[in-house]
Amino acid sequence: MKHLICGAQLLDIQEELQESENIICLPNGHTDKLIQLLGNHWRIRSVLLHAFSDNSDTLIEERERMLFAGGSKKPIEGNLFFLDNIESGESLMLSSEAPDFVTTLLYVKHGELWIENLGNAIAIGYGKTDEIEAICRTYYKRAMINKLPRTMSNTWGDRHGADRVCRDFVLREIQAAREIGVDIVQIDDGWQTGHTYDKANLNEQGRRIFRGDFWEFDPERFPGGMTEITAAVHEGGLKLGLWFAPDSENNYAYLERDLSVLKKAYAEWGVRFFKLDMYWIESNENKEQFLKLLKTIYSFGDDVAVQLDVTRDQRINYLCGKEYGSIFVENRYTKSANAYPYRVLRNLWSFSKYLPTTRFQFELVNPDLYRESYPENDPFAPSHYGMDYLFASVMLSNPLFWMELQFLSEERRAELAPIMKVWRRLREEIATADIQPIGERPDGRSLTGFAVRGKENSYLLLFRELTDRDTLDLKFTKAVEIQKTLISNTDVTATAQGDRISVTLSKPCSYALIEINMGTNEKTSL
């Protein structure tokens, strides 16, 4: 079987290929020579997607090199690779759908290319160079089972851990979520009988294991079980989420036990969203067991979803298990003075170049909490931002209220109400839209944003960070029209002339969501 695509020849492959809409999939990977590059003018862009975000705030690493004499002296590490045929203006995309423990290496010699990724799946996309990243985003969006973005609350962000988790506390969280308009209340660690901080629950490597009645509901914290919690959630028109940690030891030897706990939570407690944490994946056998866990959870019903925590250890990463749920990207805390709104925006903006934003769950914190943790003169501390700005910075993902909602002030709730109303009206469009980054990479002093290209309507979500510059100048491929500003926290002046739009935001730390007419297939560039 041979394919000639984008000035390259796909070499003979024994495995059966799955092919659709500019994407060829090799479900079992490939270790032999994969592609013959034709011609002398190739550029390779490699993209490393870093998980273990508890140890780093650089989650995307991009590198570029020109091939010399049809090869590269050293193997190229990455998760995504874009091969640009400069002569033809066409490109190939190679995606290694491997978990964290795998280091994917791309080799090129005399124009022959092959990938080592321990036999994990590889996706090959092809198209025009200025479309190849959109092809990548579309491929991963179509793979997702859960496409509709949701808002969720989780109290862990306020750093009281499991201490406050109990019947009355959760009931107050449900009431606050109902008042604010949050979709899902998720109960984190603390609902169960076992204690994750107990050193008796650690194995020889210092990793957590869960034995005996660990996953029984704590009768002291929840004397009536889940009955009242489930009733309050349903009465409020909300959904219930639950934190859970699969036992990874001995290749998920307790998988059936864990699945029975999750099935009970779904069937009896009304839980529909499961945050999976503290697991590890160190082999392809581990990966297959974890994917079996995910597949079984999704067999519970059409209304189930997972959030996959990638903040520590070796886990599933961003591309492996692409069908399932959303990625819980990072733990950031005001108490630790490491929660900065511009860095959250930066990470979402960086991912949006290659992957659908609704694949991710990004947080907004309570900006009034632990103000004393930050230096008095820190201009980027959360307290300098309105709640509507914080929400706007994550509204194209699955916004996570990383806080104890019941303590969010009335003033902050009032700031939220208008933008959340707009978001609820638009979220079905966000679910199907192609979203790409525009402007500068956020750094606290940028002019930045996103272009949201829907089937019927298109939008610009723009941000003026802490900068004296006030105007974003955007260029499109064809004439565009401004329809209206849907919401902003400042005065907005927007003008269009032919294929250019100029938007002025009158004050720093501001945002604007603007509806435009840009055509369903238009690209944006600066």
Protein backbone atom coordinates (compact mmCIF):
# COMPACT_ATOMS: atom_id res chain seq x y z
CA MET A 1 0.00 0.00 0.00
CA LYS A 2 1.53 3.35 -1.06
CA HIS A 3 0.29 6.92 -0.65
CA LEU A 4 1.77 10.03 -2.24
CA ILE A 5 0.84 12.99 -0.06
CA CYS A 6 2.27 16.48 0.29
CA GLY A 7 5.46 15.68 -1.60
CA ALA A 8 6.07 12.56 0.49
CA GLN A 9 5.50 8.87 -0.04
CA LEU A 10 3.99 6.73 2.69
CA LEU A 11 6.01 3.51 2.49
CA ASP A 12 4.67 -0.03 2.47
CA ILE A 13 2.83 -0.71 5.72
CA GLN A 14 1.59 -4.13 6.73
CA GLU A 15 -1.00 -2.94 9.26
CA GLU A 16 -4.50 -2.08 8.12
CA LEU A 17 -4.86 1.69 7.88
CA GLN A 18 -7.80 3.72 9.10
CA GLU A 19 -8.19 6.78 6.88
CA SER A 20 -10.67 9.66 6.88
CA GLU A 21 -10.65 13.37 6.02
CA ASN A 22 -6.94 14.15 5.70
CA ILE A 23 -5.95 11.80 8.54
CA ILE A 24 -4.37 8.34 8.32
CA CYS A 25 -4.30 6.38 11.58
CA LEU A 26 -1.94 3.57 12.51
CA PRO A 27 -3.59 2.15 15.65
CA ASN A 28 -0.66 -0.13 16.50
CA GLY A 29 2.14 2.26 15.67
CA HIS A 30 4.98 1.47 13.29
CA THR A 31 8.65 0.77 13.83
CA ASP A 32 9.92 0.50 10.24
CA LYS A 33 10.56 3.31 7.80
CA LEU A 34 7.30 5.19 7.47
CA ILE A 35 7.69 8.06 4.99
CA GLN A 36 10.02 9.00 2.15
CA LEU A 37 10.32 12.78 1.86
CA LEU A 38 10.67 13.92 -1.75
CA GLY A 39 12.62 17.06 -2.61
CA ASN A 40 15.19 19.14 -0.74
CA HIS A 41 13.15 21.78 1.06
CA TRP A 42 11.68 20.49 4.30
CA ARG A 43 11.25 22.10 7.70
CA ILE A 44 10.33 20.10 10.81
CA ARG A 45 8.48 21.68 13.73
CA SER A 46 8.38 19.49 16.83
CA VAL A 47 6.00 20.12 19.73
CA LEU A 48 6.59 18.67 23.19
CA LEU A 49 3.51 18.59 25.42
CA HIS A 50 4.65 18.55 29.03
CA ALA A 51 2.44 17.08 31.73
CA PHE A 52 3.47 16.83 35.44
CA SER A 53 2.42 20.47 35.73
CA ASP A 54 3.05 20.49 39.50
CA ASN A 55 6.74 20.80 38.59
CA SER A 56 6.58 23.13 35.60
CA ASP A 57 4.64 25.97 34.06
CA THR A 58 6.08 25.48 30.56
CA LEU A 59 3.57 23.03 29.15
CA ILE A 60 4.29 23.54 25.43
CA GLU A 61 7.80 23.47 23.97
CA GLU A 62 8.17 24.22 20.26
CA ARG A 63 11.31 23.65 18.19
CA GLU A 64 12.07 24.16 14.51
CA ARG A 65 14.83 22.87 12.25
CA MET A 66 15.59 22.66 8.55
CA LEU A 67 16.53 19.27 7.18
CA PHE A 68 20.06 19.21 5.77
CA ALA A 69 20.94 16.66 3.11
CA GLY A 70 17.57 15.02 3.75
CA GLY A 71 18.23 14.21 7.36
CA SER A 72 18.80 15.13 10.97
CA LYS A 73 21.94 14.08 12.81
CA LYS A 74 20.08 13.49 16.05
CA PRO A 75 16.60 12.03 16.66
CA ILE A 76 13.93 14.67 17.25
CA GLU A 77 11.85 14.39 20.41
CA GLY A 78 8.20 15.44 20.46
CA ASN A 79 4.56 14.48 20.71
CA LEU A 80 3.46 16.34 17.60
CA PHE A 81 5.55 16.89 14.48
CA PHE A 82 4.79 19.14 11.52
CA LEU A 83 6.77 18.56 8.34
CA ASP A 84 6.51 21.56 6.02
CA ASN A 85 7.28 21.12 2.33
CA ILE A 86 8.42 24.67 1.62
CA GLU A 87 8.48 24.09 -2.12
CA SER A 88 4.84 22.99 -2.41
CA GLY A 89 3.31 24.84 0.55
CA GLU A 90 1.97 21.55 1.93
CA SER A 91 2.58 19.82 5.23
CA LEU A 92 2.37 16.55 7.11
CA MET A 93 1.34 16.18 10.74
CA LEU A 94 2.57 13.24 12.80
CA SER A 95 1.00 12.68 16.21
CA SER A 96 2.29 10.13 18.71
CA GLU A 97 -0.64 9.04 20.89
CA ALA A 98 1.51 7.66 23.67
CA PRO A 99 1.30 8.12 27.46
CA ASP A 100 3.86 10.03 29.55
CA PHE A 101 6.36 7.24 30.12
CA VAL A 102 7.10 6.99 26.38
CA THR A 103 9.69 9.29 24.82
CA THR A 104 8.71 9.59 21.16
CA LEU A 105 11.64 10.03 18.77
CA LEU A 106 11.47 10.92 15.09
CA TYR A 107 14.40 9.86 12.89
CA VAL A 108 15.17 11.22 9.41
CA LYS A 109 18.01 9.94 7.22
CA HIS A 110 18.36 10.41 3.45
CA GLY A 111 14.74 11.58 3.35
CA GLU A 112 13.51 8.39 5.03
CA LEU A 113 11.53 8.98 8.21
CA TRP A 114 10.50 6.68 11.03
CA ILE A 115 9.16 7.01 14.55
CA GLU A 116 9.93 5.15 17.77
CA ASN A 117 7.11 5.25 20.34
CA LEU A 118 6.94 1.69 21.69
CA GLY A 119 4.20 0.72 19.25
CA ASN A 120 1.64 3.31 20.34
CA ALA A 121 -0.80 4.78 17.84
CA ILE A 122 0.36 7.30 15.25
CA ALA A 123 -1.89 9.72 13.36
CA ILE A 124 -0.71 11.19 10.05
CA GLY A 125 -2.42 14.31 8.77
CA TYR A 126 -1.83 16.12 5.50
CA GLY A 127 -2.88 19.38 3.90
CA LYS A 128 -1.77 22.93 3.12
CA THR A 129 0.80 24.37 5.49
CA ASP A 130 -1.53 27.15 6.63
CA GLU A 131 -4.24 24.57 7.40
CA ILE A 132 -2.28 21.75 9.03
CA GLU A 133 -2.70 22.92 12.62
CA ALA A 134 -6.46 23.29 12.08
CA ILE A 135 -6.50 19.73 10.73
CA CYS A 136 -4.81 18.60 13.96
CA ARG A 137 -7.34 20.47 16.12
CA THR A 138 -10.27 19.11 14.14
CA TYR A 139 -8.99 15.53 14.34
CA TYR A 140 -8.81 15.65 18.13
CA LYS A 141 -12.11 17.49 18.50
CA ARG A 142 -13.95 14.85 16.45
CA ALA A 143 -12.43 12.10 18.57
CA MET A 144 -13.85 13.52 21.82
CA ILE A 145 -16.94 11.89 23.31
CA ASN A 146 -17.66 14.86 25.61
CA LYS A 147 -17.76 17.97 23.44
CA LEU A 148 -20.08 20.32 25.32
CA PRO A 149 -18.08 22.53 27.73
CA ARG A 150 -19.24 22.58 31.36
CA THR A 151 -18.55 24.67 34.42
CA MET A 152 -17.52 22.80 37.55
CA SER A 153 -16.69 23.70 41.13
CA ASN A 154 -14.08 21.94 43.24
CA THR A 155 -13.19 23.16 46.73
CA TRP A 156 -9.61 21.84 46.71
CA GLY A 157 -8.30 25.11 45.27
CA ASP A 158 -8.78 26.96 48.56
CA ARG A 159 -6.26 24.60 50.23
CA HIS A 160 -8.35 23.28 53.09
CA GLY A 161 -8.01 19.84 51.54
CA ALA A 162 -10.32 17.24 52.99
CA ASP A 163 -10.73 19.07 56.31
CA ARG A 164 -14.05 20.76 55.54
CA VAL A 165 -15.62 18.02 53.39
CA CYS A 166 -18.82 16.88 55.08
CA ARG A 167 -22.59 16.83 54.60
CA ASP A 168 -23.36 20.43 55.62
CA PHE A 169 -20.36 21.90 53.80
CA VAL A 170 -21.24 20.15 50.54
CA LEU A 171 -24.89 21.16 50.80
CA ARG A 172 -23.78 24.80 51.10
CA GLU A 173 -21.56 24.34 48.04
CA ILE A 174 -24.52 23.00 46.09
CA GLN A 175 -26.63 25.99 47.08
CA ALA A 176 -23.86 28.42 46.06
CA ALA A 177 -23.41 26.65 42.72
CA ARG A 178 -27.12 26.91 42.11
CA GLU A 179 -27.08 30.66 42.84
CA ILE A 180 -24.02 31.35 40.66
CA GLY A 181 -25.04 29.06 37.81
CA VAL A 182 -22.29 26.43 37.92
CA ASP A 183 -23.17 23.14 36.20
CA ILE A 184 -21.36 20.57 38.35
CA VAL A 185 -20.40 20.34 42.01
CA GLN A 186 -17.48 17.97 42.44
CA ILE A 187 -16.57 16.48 45.83
CA ASP A 188 -12.81 16.02 46.04
CA ASP A 189 -10.70 13.86 48.36
CA GLY A 190 -12.31 13.50 51.81
CA TRP A 191 -15.64 11.84 51.06
CA GLN A 192 -14.26 8.33 51.63
CA THR A 193 -13.37 6.36 54.76
CA GLY A 194 -9.69 6.02 53.81
CA HIS A 195 -7.16 8.84 54.18
CA THR A 196 -4.75 9.57 51.32
CA TYR A 197 -2.29 11.25 53.73
CA ASP A 198 -1.98 8.09 55.87
CA LYS A 199 1.53 6.69 55.34
CA ALA A 200 0.15 3.19 55.85
CA ASN A 201 -1.39 3.59 52.40
CA LEU A 202 1.99 3.94 50.66
CA ASN A 203 3.92 1.18 48.88
CA GLU A 204 7.71 0.77 48.75
CA GLN A 205 8.02 3.49 46.10
CA GLY A 206 6.06 5.95 48.23
CA ARG A 207 3.00 5.69 45.99
CA ARG A 208 -0.53 5.51 47.28
CA ILE A 209 -2.42 2.22 47.38
CA PHE A 210 -5.98 1.69 48.55
CA ARG A 211 -7.05 -1.43 50.37
CA GLY A 212 -9.97 -2.75 52.42
CA ASP A 213 -12.90 -0.38 52.95
CA PHE A 214 -10.94 2.68 51.75
CA TRP A 215 -13.64 3.67 49.24
CA GLU A 216 -16.64 3.37 51.53
CA PHE A 217 -18.50 6.62 52.17
CA ASP A 218 -17.33 8.14 55.46
CA PRO A 219 -20.29 7.69 57.88
CA GLU A 220 -19.05 10.42 60.25
CA ARG A 221 -18.75 13.09 57.57
CA PHE A 222 -21.88 11.95 55.74
CA PRO A 223 -24.16 10.32 58.35
CA GLY A 224 -27.01 10.01 55.89
CA GLY A 225 -24.84 8.72 53.06
CA MET A 226 -25.38 10.35 49.70
CA THR A 227 -29.18 10.58 49.80
CA GLU A 228 -29.42 14.24 50.79
CA ILE A 229 -26.50 15.26 48.55
CA THR A 230 -28.00 13.58 45.50
CA ALA A 231 -31.44 15.06 46.20
CA ALA A 232 -30.03 18.58 46.61
CA VAL A 233 -28.07 18.33 43.35
CA HIS A 234 -31.11 17.17 41.41
CA GLU A 235 -33.37 19.77 42.99
CA GLY A 236 -30.92 22.48 41.97
CA GLY A 237 -30.75 21.27 38.37
CA LEU A 238 -27.05 20.48 38.81
CA LYS A 239 -24.80 17.47 38.23
CA LEU A 240 -22.62 15.71 40.78
CA GLY A 241 -18.91 15.02 40.41
CA LEU A 242 -16.61 12.86 42.53
CA TRP A 243 -12.85 12.53 42.96
CA PHE A 244 -11.42 9.01 42.75
CA ALA A 245 -7.96 7.43 42.61
CA PRO A 246 -7.67 4.08 40.79
CA ASP A 247 -5.25 1.66 42.45
CA SER A 248 -2.42 1.29 39.91
CA GLU A 249 -0.31 -1.28 41.73
CA ASN A 250 0.41 -4.64 40.06
CA ASN A 251 -0.96 -3.47 36.72
CA TYR A 252 -4.30 -2.32 38.16
CA ALA A 253 -4.90 -5.57 40.01
CA TYR A 254 -7.89 -3.99 41.81
CA LEU A 255 -9.52 -2.78 38.61
CA GLU A 256 -12.76 -4.70 39.11
CA ARG A 257 -13.04 -3.47 42.72
CA ASP A 258 -12.50 0.13 41.56
CA LEU A 259 -15.04 -0.21 38.77
CA SER A 260 -17.63 -1.52 41.23
CA VAL A 261 -17.13 1.60 43.38
CA LEU A 262 -17.51 3.88 40.37
CA LYS A 263 -20.54 1.96 39.09
CA LYS A 264 -22.20 2.30 42.50
CA ALA A 265 -21.43 6.02 42.53
CA TYR A 266 -23.06 6.36 39.11
CA ALA A 267 -26.09 4.14 39.71
CA GLU A 268 -26.89 4.87 43.38
CA TRP A 269 -25.34 8.25 44.20
CA GLY A 270 -26.09 10.00 40.92
CA VAL A 271 -22.46 10.86 40.13
CA ARG A 272 -21.93 11.72 36.47
CA PHE A 273 -18.43 13.26 36.47
CA PHE A 274 -15.38 11.42 37.82
CA LYS A 275 -12.03 13.08 38.43
CA LEU A 276 -9.34 10.38 38.20
CA ASP A 277 -6.16 11.14 40.13
CA MET A 278 -3.07 9.56 41.75
CA TYR A 279 -2.78 6.81 39.14
CA TRP A 280 0.40 6.00 37.24
CA ILE A 281 1.17 4.43 33.87
CA GLU A 282 4.64 2.95 33.35
CA SER A 283 4.10 0.43 30.56
CA ASN A 284 1.84 -0.25 27.63
CA GLU A 285 0.19 -2.95 29.78
CA ASN A 286 -0.66 -0.24 32.35
CA LYS A 287 -1.99 1.94 29.55
CA GLU A 288 -4.27 -0.79 28.25
CA GLN A 289 -5.66 -1.45 31.73
CA PHE A 290 -6.30 2.26 32.28
CA LEU A 291 -8.01 2.59 28.90
CA LYS A 292 -10.15 -0.43 29.86
CA LEU A 293 -11.11 1.47 33.03
CA LEU A 294 -12.12 4.53 30.97
CA LYS A 295 -14.04 2.49 28.41
CA THR A 296 -16.00 0.75 31.16
CA ILE A 297 -16.84 4.05 32.90
CA TYR A 298 -18.22 5.34 29.62
CA SER A 299 -20.38 2.23 29.31
CA PHE A 300 -22.31 3.33 32.44
CA GLY A 301 -24.40 5.75 30.38
CA ASP A 302 -24.42 8.50 27.76
CA ASP A 303 -24.25 11.20 30.45
CA VAL A 304 -20.97 10.16 32.09
CA ALA A 305 -17.61 11.96 31.77
CA VAL A 306 -14.15 11.91 33.34
CA GLN A 307 -11.55 14.50 34.17
CA LEU A 308 -8.03 13.12 33.81
CA ASP A 309 -5.53 14.66 36.22
CA VAL A 310 -2.07 15.01 34.59
CA THR A 311 -0.44 17.10 37.31
CA ARG A 312 1.98 14.48 38.67
CA ASP A 313 3.82 11.24 37.92
CA GLN A 314 3.62 9.40 34.60
CA ARG A 315 0.05 9.41 33.41
CA ILE A 316 -2.07 9.42 30.27
CA ASN A 317 -0.75 12.68 28.74
CA TYR A 318 -2.75 14.87 26.35
CA LEU A 319 -3.04 12.67 23.23
CA CYS A 320 -3.41 9.12 24.54
CA GLY A 321 -7.03 8.19 25.24
CA LYS A 322 -8.15 11.09 23.08
CA GLU A 323 -11.81 10.04 23.19
CA TYR A 324 -12.25 10.36 26.90
CA GLY A 325 -13.25 13.36 28.95
CA SER A 326 -11.29 16.50 29.69
CA ILE A 327 -7.77 17.08 30.97
CA PHE A 328 -7.39 18.57 34.44
CA VAL A 329 -4.24 20.51 33.64
CA GLU A 330 -2.85 22.19 36.73
CA ASN A 331 -2.98 22.80 40.47
CA ARG A 332 -2.44 26.48 41.23
CA TYR A 333 -3.17 28.03 44.61
CA THR A 334 -3.49 31.56 45.98
CA LYS A 335 -2.25 30.25 49.34
CA SER A 336 1.00 29.19 47.66
CA ALA A 337 1.15 32.45 45.65
CA ASN A 338 1.53 30.50 42.40
CA ALA A 339 -1.90 31.26 40.92
CA TYR A 340 -1.44 33.91 38.25
CA PRO A 341 -4.24 34.61 35.74
CA TYR A 342 -1.88 35.45 32.87
CA ARG A 343 -0.15 32.08 33.19
CA VAL A 344 -3.46 30.22 33.02
CA LEU A 345 -4.34 32.21 29.89
CA ARG A 346 -0.88 31.53 28.47
CA ASN A 347 -1.21 27.77 28.87
CA LEU A 348 -4.68 27.62 27.31
CA TRP A 349 -3.57 29.93 24.47
CA SER A 350 -0.51 27.75 23.79
CA PHE A 351 -2.51 24.51 23.68
CA SER A 352 -5.15 26.05 21.41
CA LYS A 353 -2.75 26.16 18.46
CA TYR A 354 -2.75 22.36 18.25
CA LEU A 355 -5.65 20.93 20.28
CA PRO A 356 -9.31 21.82 20.90
CA THR A 357 -9.67 24.11 23.91
CA THR A 358 -12.67 22.12 25.16
CA ARG A 359 -10.33 19.17 25.72
CA PHE A 360 -9.03 21.01 28.80
CA GLN A 361 -10.20 22.08 32.22
CA PHE A 362 -8.63 25.35 33.38
CA GLU A 363 -9.18 27.07 36.69
CA LEU A 364 -10.28 30.41 38.04
CA VAL A 365 -9.52 31.13 41.69
CA ASN A 366 -11.13 33.29 44.35
CA PRO A 367 -9.05 36.48 43.90
CA ASP A 368 -9.82 37.76 47.40
CA LEU A 369 -8.33 34.75 49.15
CA TYR A 370 -4.83 34.80 50.68
CA ARG A 371 -3.97 38.25 49.35
CA GLU A 372 -1.24 38.40 51.99
CA SER A 373 0.56 35.48 50.30
CA TYR A 374 1.58 37.69 47.38
CA PRO A 375 4.19 40.46 47.52
CA GLU A 376 2.47 43.76 48.14
CA ASN A 377 3.70 45.20 44.84
CA ASP A 378 3.00 42.15 42.66
CA PRO A 379 1.02 43.59 39.71
CA PHE A 380 -0.11 40.15 38.50
CA ALA A 381 -1.68 38.91 41.75
CA PRO A 382 -5.25 37.62 41.24
CA SER A 383 -6.72 40.38 43.42
CA HIS A 384 -6.05 42.90 40.62
CA TYR A 385 -8.51 41.14 38.28
CA GLY A 386 -12.30 41.03 38.17
CA MET A 387 -14.12 37.70 38.28
CA ASP A 388 -15.47 38.33 34.80
CA TYR A 389 -11.91 38.70 33.46
CA LEU A 390 -10.87 35.49 35.22
CA PHE A 391 -13.83 33.67 33.72
CA ALA A 392 -13.17 35.12 30.26
CA SER A 393 -9.58 33.82 30.40
CA VAL A 394 -10.82 30.21 30.68
CA MET A 395 -14.27 30.38 29.06
CA LEU A 396 -13.16 28.52 25.93
CA SER A 397 -12.11 25.51 28.02
CA ASN A 398 -14.19 23.77 30.70
CA PRO A 399 -14.11 26.52 33.37
CA LEU A 400 -13.22 25.16 36.80
CA PHE A 401 -14.21 27.19 39.86
CA TRP A 402 -11.18 26.14 41.93
CA MET A 403 -12.59 27.40 45.21
CA GLU A 404 -15.10 27.05 47.98
CA LEU A 405 -18.00 28.73 46.17
CA GLN A 406 -19.95 29.52 49.33
CA PHE A 407 -17.29 32.07 50.33
CA LEU A 408 -17.23 33.97 47.03
CA SER A 409 -18.44 37.48 47.84
CA GLU A 410 -21.64 39.01 46.49
CA GLU A 411 -19.54 41.61 44.66
CA ARG A 412 -17.57 38.90 42.87
CA ARG A 413 -20.75 36.97 42.05
CA ALA A 414 -22.21 40.13 40.50
CA GLU A 415 -19.11 40.49 38.31
CA LEU A 416 -19.61 36.93 37.06
CA ALA A 417 -23.31 36.98 36.24
CA PRO A 418 -23.29 38.83 32.87
CA ILE A 419 -20.42 36.92 31.26
CA MET A 420 -21.69 33.54 32.45
CA LYS A 421 -25.05 34.33 30.88
CA VAL A 422 -23.34 35.02 27.54
CA TRP A 423 -21.21 31.89 27.88
CA ARG A 424 -24.22 29.64 28.50
CA ARG A 425 -25.85 31.01 25.37
CA LEU A 426 -22.75 30.39 23.25
CA ARG A 427 -21.38 27.15 24.62
CA GLU A 428 -22.98 24.89 22.02
CA GLU A 429 -21.27 27.00 19.37
CA ILE A 430 -17.99 26.83 21.31
CA ALA A 431 -18.35 23.03 21.39
CA THR A 432 -18.28 22.76 17.59
CA ALA A 433 -16.17 25.80 16.66
CA ASP A 434 -12.55 25.79 15.57
CA ILE A 435 -10.65 27.92 18.08
CA GLN A 436 -7.18 29.22 17.39
CA PRO A 437 -4.82 31.64 19.14
CA ILE A 438 -4.29 35.15 17.79
CA GLY A 439 -2.13 38.03 18.88
CA GLU A 440 0.86 37.64 21.18
CA ARG A 441 1.58 34.77 23.51
CA PRO A 442 0.26 35.91 26.92
CA ASP A 443 2.99 37.02 29.32
CA GLY A 444 1.14 39.45 31.58
CA ARG A 445 1.76 42.42 29.27
CA SER A 446 0.49 41.18 25.93
CA LEU A 447 -2.27 41.96 23.47
CA THR A 448 -3.71 38.54 22.82
CA GLY A 449 -6.79 36.43 22.26
CA PHE A 450 -8.59 33.75 20.30
CA ALA A 451 -10.50 33.49 17.03
CA VAL A 452 -13.62 31.31 17.34
CA ARG A 453 -14.82 30.13 13.93
CA GLY A 454 -18.26 28.52 14.19
CA LYS A 455 -20.50 26.98 11.58
CA GLU A 456 -22.77 30.02 11.55
CA ASN A 457 -21.20 32.72 13.72
CA SER A 458 -17.64 33.72 14.52
CA TYR A 459 -16.15 35.60 17.45
CA LEU A 460 -13.03 37.27 18.71
CA LEU A 461 -12.16 36.92 22.40
CA LEU A 462 -9.52 39.56 23.01
CA PHE A 463 -7.42 40.54 26.03
CA ARG A 464 -5.41 43.61 26.87
CA GLU A 465 -3.13 42.52 29.67
CA LEU A 466 -1.21 44.93 31.91
CA THR A 467 0.21 47.07 29.09
CA ASP A 468 0.07 50.66 27.90
CA ARG A 469 -0.62 49.42 24.38
CA ASP A 470 -4.35 49.38 23.74
CA THR A 471 -4.99 48.24 20.15
CA LEU A 472 -4.96 44.84 18.46
CA ASP A 473 -4.61 44.90 14.68
CA LEU A 474 -5.75 41.68 13.03
CA LYS A 475 -5.48 40.58 9.40
CA PHE A 476 -7.70 38.00 7.73
CA THR A 477 -7.61 36.31 4.34
CA LYS A 478 -10.79 38.02 3.08
CA ALA A 479 -13.05 40.91 4.01
CA VAL A 480 -14.55 40.73 7.50
CA GLU A 481 -17.34 42.59 9.23
CA ILE A 482 -17.89 43.51 12.87
CA GLN A 483 -21.34 42.62 14.16
CA LYS A 484 -21.33 43.68 17.82
CA THR A 485 -19.53 43.52 21.15
CA LEU A 486 -21.28 40.88 23.24
CA ILE A 487 -19.57 41.66 26.53
CA SER A 488 -16.54 43.49 27.89
CA ASN A 489 -15.26 45.10 31.08
CA THR A 490 -14.11 48.25 29.29
CA ASP A 491 -14.97 50.63 26.47
CA VAL A 492 -14.36 48.97 23.12
CA THR A 493 -13.73 50.60 19.76
CA ALA A 494 -13.72 48.17 16.84
CA THR A 495 -13.35 49.04 13.16
CA ALA A 496 -13.11 46.88 10.05
CA GLN A 497 -11.66 47.80 6.68
CA GLY A 498 -11.47 45.10 4.06
CA ASP A 499 -9.50 42.19 5.48
CA ARG A 500 -8.37 44.05 8.61
CA ILE A 501 -9.90 44.62 12.02
CA SER A 502 -8.62 47.03 14.63
CA VAL A 503 -9.86 46.74 18.23
CA THR A 504 -9.03 49.17 21.03
CA LEU A 505 -9.61 48.27 24.69
CA SER A 506 -9.56 51.40 26.79
CA LYS A 507 -7.99 50.06 30.00
CA PRO A 508 -5.44 47.43 31.06
CA CYS A 509 -6.57 44.04 32.40
CA SER A 510 -9.57 44.06 30.09
CA TYR A 511 -11.27 41.68 27.70
CA ALA A 512 -13.87 41.84 24.95
CA LEU A 513 -15.97 39.21 23.22
CA ILE A 514 -16.90 40.46 19.75
CA GLU A 515 -19.13 38.82 17.18
CA ILE A 516 -17.84 39.12 13.63
CA ASN A 517 -18.64 37.84 10.15
CA MET A 518 -15.49 36.13 8.88
CA GLY A 519 -16.85 33.22 6.86
CA THR A 520 -16.73 29.63 8.05
CA ASN A 521 -13.47 28.75 6.31
CA GLU A 522 -11.38 31.85 6.82
CA LYS A 523 -8.02 31.91 8.58
CA THR A 524 -6.64 34.60 10.86
CA SER A 525 -3.10 35.89 10.87
CA LEU A 526 -1.21 38.89 12.16
